[in-house]
Amino acid sequence: MAEPDYRFTLANERTFLAWVRTSLALVAAGVALDQYLPDLGPPAVRTAIGVALVVLGAALAGLSHRRWRRAQRAMREGAALPPAPEMAVLGYGVALVAAVVLVLVLVS
């Protein structure tokens, strides 16, 4: 395997770190929503949303390493970059949680 241009390797690492920061933000949002918004809907619903955000953050952290590894391998082999299903997980997951929170805000 050929060693890719170091700039691409560093860009891939920065992308990985951005995904990790996003996953940490989702975990923090889940904890904050459950602990610091007592007036946002019933406690069980609030806890469910918080758990969903934490699970989404944890899944994204794991998937981001897989994405980094696959991109690194493709660069070393001179292949096309693989598709990124992680983006769909993040996009649809956040959209679903946002829709539920919007309903709770409108009802409260």
N, C-alpha and C. Protein backbone atom coordinates (compact mmCIF):
# COMPACT_ATOMS: atom_id res chain seq x y z
N MET A 1 0.84 -1.19 0.00
CA MET A 1 0.00 0.00 0.00
C MET A 1 0.88 1.25 0.00
N ALA A 2 0.48 2.20 -0.81
CA ALA A 2 1.22 3.45 -0.89
C ALA A 2 0.76 4.38 0.23
N GLU A 3 1.69 5.18 0.69
CA GLU A 3 1.36 6.17 1.72
C GLU A 3 0.74 7.39 1.03
N PRO A 4 -0.48 7.79 1.44
CA PRO A 4 -1.11 8.95 0.80
C PRO A 4 -0.42 10.25 1.19
N ASP A 5 -0.69 11.27 0.41
CA ASP A 5 -0.18 12.61 0.73
C ASP A 5 -0.59 12.95 2.16
N TYR A 6 0.36 13.43 2.94
CA TYR A 6 0.08 13.68 4.36
C TYR A 6 -1.06 14.68 4.56
N ARG A 7 -1.26 15.58 3.60
CA ARG A 7 -2.35 16.56 3.75
C ARG A 7 -3.71 15.88 3.74
N PHE A 8 -3.85 14.83 2.92
CA PHE A 8 -5.11 14.10 2.89
C PHE A 8 -5.31 13.30 4.18
N THR A 9 -4.24 12.73 4.69
CA THR A 9 -4.32 12.01 5.96
C THR A 9 -4.72 12.94 7.09
N LEU A 10 -4.11 14.12 7.12
CA LEU A 10 -4.45 15.08 8.18
C LEU A 10 -5.88 15.60 8.01
N ALA A 11 -6.33 15.80 6.78
CA ALA A 11 -7.72 16.22 6.54
C ALA A 11 -8.69 15.13 7.00
N ASN A 12 -8.34 13.89 6.75
CA ASN A 12 -9.17 12.78 7.19
C ASN A 12 -9.24 12.74 8.73
N GLU A 13 -8.12 13.00 9.39
CA GLU A 13 -8.10 13.04 10.86
C GLU A 13 -8.95 14.21 11.38
N ARG A 14 -8.87 15.37 10.72
CA ARG A 14 -9.69 16.51 11.15
C ARG A 14 -11.18 16.19 11.00
N THR A 15 -11.53 15.50 9.92
CA THR A 15 -12.92 15.11 9.73
C THR A 15 -13.35 14.16 10.84
N PHE A 16 -12.50 13.19 11.17
CA PHE A 16 -12.80 12.27 12.26
C PHE A 16 -13.01 13.04 13.57
N LEU A 17 -12.15 13.99 13.86
CA LEU A 17 -12.29 14.76 15.10
C LEU A 17 -13.57 15.60 15.09
N ALA A 18 -13.97 16.10 13.93
CA ALA A 18 -15.23 16.85 13.84
C ALA A 18 -16.41 15.94 14.15
N TRP A 19 -16.37 14.70 13.65
CA TRP A 19 -17.44 13.74 13.97
C TRP A 19 -17.46 13.44 15.46
N VAL A 20 -16.28 13.31 16.07
CA VAL A 20 -16.21 13.03 17.51
C VAL A 20 -16.76 14.22 18.30
N ARG A 21 -16.42 15.44 17.88
CA ARG A 21 -16.97 16.63 18.56
C ARG A 21 -18.49 16.66 18.45
N THR A 22 -19.00 16.31 17.28
CA THR A 22 -20.45 16.27 17.10
C THR A 22 -21.07 15.22 18.01
N SER A 23 -20.45 14.06 18.12
CA SER A 23 -20.99 13.02 18.99
C SER A 23 -20.97 13.47 20.45
N LEU A 24 -19.91 14.15 20.87
CA LEU A 24 -19.86 14.67 22.24
C LEU A 24 -20.95 15.71 22.47
N ALA A 25 -21.21 16.55 21.47
CA ALA A 25 -22.27 17.55 21.59
C ALA A 25 -23.64 16.89 21.72
N LEU A 26 -23.86 15.80 20.99
CA LEU A 26 -25.13 15.08 21.10
C LEU A 26 -25.29 14.47 22.50
N VAL A 27 -24.23 13.91 23.03
CA VAL A 27 -24.28 13.34 24.38
C VAL A 27 -24.56 14.45 25.40
N ALA A 28 -23.86 15.56 25.28
CA ALA A 28 -24.08 16.68 26.20
C ALA A 28 -25.50 17.22 26.08
N ALA A 29 -26.01 17.31 24.87
CA ALA A 29 -27.38 17.79 24.67
C ALA A 29 -28.39 16.84 25.31
N GLY A 30 -28.15 15.54 25.20
CA GLY A 30 -29.05 14.57 25.80
C GLY A 30 -29.08 14.69 27.31
N VAL A 31 -27.92 14.85 27.92
CA VAL A 31 -27.85 15.02 29.37
C VAL A 31 -28.49 16.34 29.78
N ALA A 32 -28.18 17.40 29.07
CA ALA A 32 -28.73 18.72 29.41
C ALA A 32 -30.24 18.74 29.27
N LEU A 33 -30.75 18.14 28.21
CA LEU A 33 -32.20 18.14 28.00
C LEU A 33 -32.90 17.42 29.14
N ASP A 34 -32.35 16.30 29.56
CA ASP A 34 -32.99 15.54 30.62
C ASP A 34 -32.86 16.22 31.99
N GLN A 35 -31.72 16.83 32.25
CA GLN A 35 -31.45 17.36 33.58
C GLN A 35 -31.89 18.81 33.80
N TYR A 36 -31.86 19.61 32.74
CA TYR A 36 -32.04 21.05 32.93
C TYR A 36 -33.29 21.65 32.29
N LEU A 37 -34.16 20.83 31.74
CA LEU A 37 -35.40 21.33 31.15
C LEU A 37 -36.60 20.61 31.76
N PRO A 38 -36.85 20.83 33.05
CA PRO A 38 -37.93 20.07 33.72
C PRO A 38 -39.32 20.40 33.20
N ASP A 39 -39.50 21.54 32.55
CA ASP A 39 -40.83 21.92 32.06
C ASP A 39 -41.11 21.45 30.64
N LEU A 40 -40.18 20.75 30.04
CA LEU A 40 -40.34 20.31 28.65
C LEU A 40 -40.98 18.93 28.61
N GLY A 41 -42.28 18.89 28.65
CA GLY A 41 -43.01 17.64 28.52
C GLY A 41 -42.93 16.75 29.74
N PRO A 42 -43.58 15.60 29.64
CA PRO A 42 -43.56 14.64 30.75
C PRO A 42 -42.14 14.10 30.97
N PRO A 43 -41.82 13.77 32.22
CA PRO A 43 -40.46 13.29 32.51
C PRO A 43 -40.05 12.07 31.68
N ALA A 44 -40.96 11.15 31.45
CA ALA A 44 -40.61 9.95 30.68
C ALA A 44 -40.24 10.31 29.23
N VAL A 45 -40.96 11.23 28.65
CA VAL A 45 -40.68 11.64 27.27
C VAL A 45 -39.35 12.39 27.22
N ARG A 46 -39.14 13.28 28.18
CA ARG A 46 -37.88 14.03 28.24
C ARG A 46 -36.69 13.08 28.40
N THR A 47 -36.84 12.10 29.26
CA THR A 47 -35.76 11.12 29.46
C THR A 47 -35.54 10.30 28.19
N ALA A 48 -36.62 9.93 27.51
CA ALA A 48 -36.48 9.16 26.27
C ALA A 48 -35.73 9.96 25.20
N ILE A 49 -36.02 11.24 25.11
CA ILE A 49 -35.31 12.09 24.13
C ILE A 49 -33.84 12.20 24.53
N GLY A 50 -33.59 12.40 25.82
CA GLY A 50 -32.20 12.48 26.29
C GLY A 50 -31.43 11.20 26.00
N VAL A 51 -32.07 10.06 26.26
CA VAL A 51 -31.43 8.77 25.97
C VAL A 51 -31.20 8.63 24.46
N ALA A 52 -32.16 9.04 23.65
CA ALA A 52 -31.99 8.95 22.19
C ALA A 52 -30.80 9.78 21.72
N LEU A 53 -30.64 10.97 22.29
CA LEU A 53 -29.49 11.80 21.90
C LEU A 53 -28.17 11.17 22.34
N VAL A 54 -28.14 10.61 23.54
CA VAL A 54 -26.91 9.97 24.02
C VAL A 54 -26.57 8.75 23.17
N VAL A 55 -27.58 7.95 22.84
CA VAL A 55 -27.35 6.77 21.99
C VAL A 55 -26.90 7.19 20.60
N LEU A 56 -27.52 8.23 20.06
CA LEU A 56 -27.11 8.73 18.75
C LEU A 56 -25.65 9.22 18.79
N GLY A 57 -25.29 9.92 19.86
CA GLY A 57 -23.91 10.37 20.01
C GLY A 57 -22.93 9.21 20.12
N ALA A 58 -23.29 8.19 20.89
CA ALA A 58 -22.42 7.03 21.03
C ALA A 58 -22.27 6.28 19.71
N ALA A 59 -23.38 6.11 19.00
CA ALA A 59 -23.33 5.43 17.70
C ALA A 59 -22.47 6.23 16.72
N LEU A 60 -22.64 7.53 16.73
CA LEU A 60 -21.86 8.37 15.82
C LEU A 60 -20.37 8.30 16.13
N ALA A 61 -20.02 8.24 17.41
CA ALA A 61 -18.60 8.12 17.77
C ALA A 61 -18.01 6.83 17.21
N GLY A 62 -18.73 5.73 17.36
CA GLY A 62 -18.25 4.46 16.82
C GLY A 62 -18.20 4.45 15.30
N LEU A 63 -19.23 4.99 14.68
CA LEU A 63 -19.27 5.02 13.22
C LEU A 63 -18.20 5.94 12.64
N SER A 64 -17.86 6.99 13.38
CA SER A 64 -16.87 7.93 12.86
C SER A 64 -15.50 7.27 12.74
N HIS A 65 -15.16 6.39 13.68
CA HIS A 65 -13.87 5.69 13.57
C HIS A 65 -13.88 4.76 12.37
N ARG A 66 -15.00 4.08 12.18
CA ARG A 66 -15.13 3.21 11.00
C ARG A 66 -14.98 4.01 9.71
N ARG A 67 -15.60 5.19 9.67
CA ARG A 67 -15.52 6.04 8.49
C ARG A 67 -14.08 6.50 8.25
N TRP A 68 -13.39 6.90 9.32
CA TRP A 68 -12.00 7.33 9.19
C TRP A 68 -11.13 6.20 8.65
N ARG A 69 -11.30 5.00 9.21
CA ARG A 69 -10.49 3.84 8.81
C ARG A 69 -10.74 3.48 7.35
N ARG A 70 -12.03 3.49 6.93
CA ARG A 70 -12.35 3.14 5.54
C ARG A 70 -11.80 4.18 4.56
N ALA A 71 -11.88 5.45 4.92
CA ALA A 71 -11.34 6.51 4.04
C ALA A 71 -9.82 6.40 3.96
N GLN A 72 -9.20 6.12 5.09
CA GLN A 72 -7.73 5.99 5.10
C GLN A 72 -7.29 4.82 4.22
N ARG A 73 -7.99 3.71 4.33
CA ARG A 73 -7.65 2.54 3.51
C ARG A 73 -7.84 2.86 2.03
N ALA A 74 -8.93 3.53 1.68
CA ALA A 74 -9.18 3.87 0.27
C ALA A 74 -8.08 4.77 -0.27
N MET A 75 -7.65 5.74 0.53
CA MET A 75 -6.57 6.63 0.07
C MET A 75 -5.28 5.86 -0.13
N ARG A 76 -4.98 4.93 0.75
CA ARG A 76 -3.75 4.15 0.62
C ARG A 76 -3.78 3.24 -0.60
N GLU A 77 -4.98 2.74 -0.94
CA GLU A 77 -5.11 1.84 -2.09
C GLU A 77 -5.37 2.58 -3.38
N GLY A 78 -5.53 3.91 -3.33
CA GLY A 78 -5.82 4.69 -4.52
C GLY A 78 -7.22 4.43 -5.06
N ALA A 79 -8.13 4.02 -4.19
CA ALA A 79 -9.50 3.72 -4.59
C ALA A 79 -10.40 4.92 -4.33
N ALA A 80 -11.62 4.83 -4.85
CA ALA A 80 -12.60 5.88 -4.58
C ALA A 80 -12.97 5.85 -3.11
N LEU A 81 -13.30 7.01 -2.58
CA LEU A 81 -13.71 7.06 -1.19
C LEU A 81 -15.05 6.34 -1.03
N PRO A 82 -15.20 5.59 0.05
CA PRO A 82 -16.43 4.83 0.24
C PRO A 82 -17.60 5.74 0.60
N PRO A 83 -18.83 5.26 0.39
CA PRO A 83 -19.99 6.06 0.79
C PRO A 83 -20.01 6.25 2.31
N ALA A 84 -20.75 7.24 2.76
CA ALA A 84 -20.78 7.57 4.18
C ALA A 84 -22.20 7.47 4.73
N PRO A 85 -22.64 6.26 5.12
CA PRO A 85 -23.99 6.12 5.69
C PRO A 85 -24.12 6.82 7.04
N GLU A 86 -23.01 7.17 7.65
CA GLU A 86 -23.04 7.87 8.94
C GLU A 86 -23.78 9.20 8.83
N MET A 87 -23.68 9.83 7.68
CA MET A 87 -24.37 11.11 7.49
C MET A 87 -25.88 10.93 7.54
N ALA A 88 -26.37 9.84 6.99
CA ALA A 88 -27.81 9.58 7.06
C ALA A 88 -28.24 9.30 8.49
N VAL A 89 -27.44 8.53 9.22
CA VAL A 89 -27.76 8.24 10.62
C VAL A 89 -27.84 9.54 11.41
N LEU A 90 -26.86 10.40 11.23
CA LEU A 90 -26.84 11.67 11.95
C LEU A 90 -27.99 12.57 11.51
N GLY A 91 -28.17 12.72 10.23
CA GLY A 91 -29.20 13.62 9.73
C GLY A 91 -30.60 13.20 10.12
N TYR A 92 -30.94 11.95 9.87
CA TYR A 92 -32.28 11.48 10.22
C TYR A 92 -32.48 11.40 11.73
N GLY A 93 -31.44 11.02 12.46
CA GLY A 93 -31.55 10.95 13.91
C GLY A 93 -31.81 12.31 14.54
N VAL A 94 -31.04 13.30 14.13
CA VAL A 94 -31.23 14.65 14.67
C VAL A 94 -32.57 15.22 14.22
N ALA A 95 -32.97 14.97 12.98
CA ALA A 95 -34.27 15.47 12.50
C ALA A 95 -35.42 14.87 13.30
N LEU A 96 -35.34 13.59 13.60
CA LEU A 96 -36.39 12.94 14.38
C LEU A 96 -36.46 13.51 15.80
N VAL A 97 -35.33 13.64 16.44
CA VAL A 97 -35.30 14.21 17.79
C VAL A 97 -35.80 15.65 17.77
N ALA A 98 -35.39 16.42 16.78
CA ALA A 98 -35.83 17.81 16.68
C ALA A 98 -37.34 17.90 16.49
N ALA A 99 -37.91 17.01 15.70
CA ALA A 99 -39.36 17.02 15.50
C ALA A 99 -40.10 16.73 16.80
N VAL A 100 -39.61 15.77 17.57
CA VAL A 100 -40.25 15.46 18.85
C VAL A 100 -40.11 16.63 19.81
N VAL A 101 -38.94 17.23 19.88
CA VAL A 101 -38.74 18.38 20.76
C VAL A 101 -39.63 19.54 20.32
N LEU A 102 -39.77 19.76 19.02
CA LEU A 102 -40.64 20.83 18.52
C LEU A 102 -42.08 20.61 18.98
N VAL A 103 -42.55 19.38 18.89
CA VAL A 103 -43.91 19.08 19.36
C VAL A 103 -44.03 19.38 20.85
N LEU A 104 -43.04 18.97 21.64
CA LEU A 104 -43.07 19.22 23.08
C LEU A 104 -43.07 20.72 23.38
N VAL A 105 -42.28 21.49 22.65
CA VAL A 105 -42.23 22.93 22.86
C VAL A 105 -43.57 23.57 22.52
N LEU A 106 -44.17 23.15 21.44
CA LEU A 106 -45.45 23.71 21.03
C LEU A 106 -46.57 23.34 21.99
N VAL A 107 -46.53 22.14 22.56
CA VAL A 107 -47.55 21.68 23.48
C VAL A 107 -47.37 22.29 24.87
N SER A 108 -46.13 22.50 25.28
CA SER A 108 -45.86 23.02 26.64
C SER A 108 -46.27 24.45 26.81
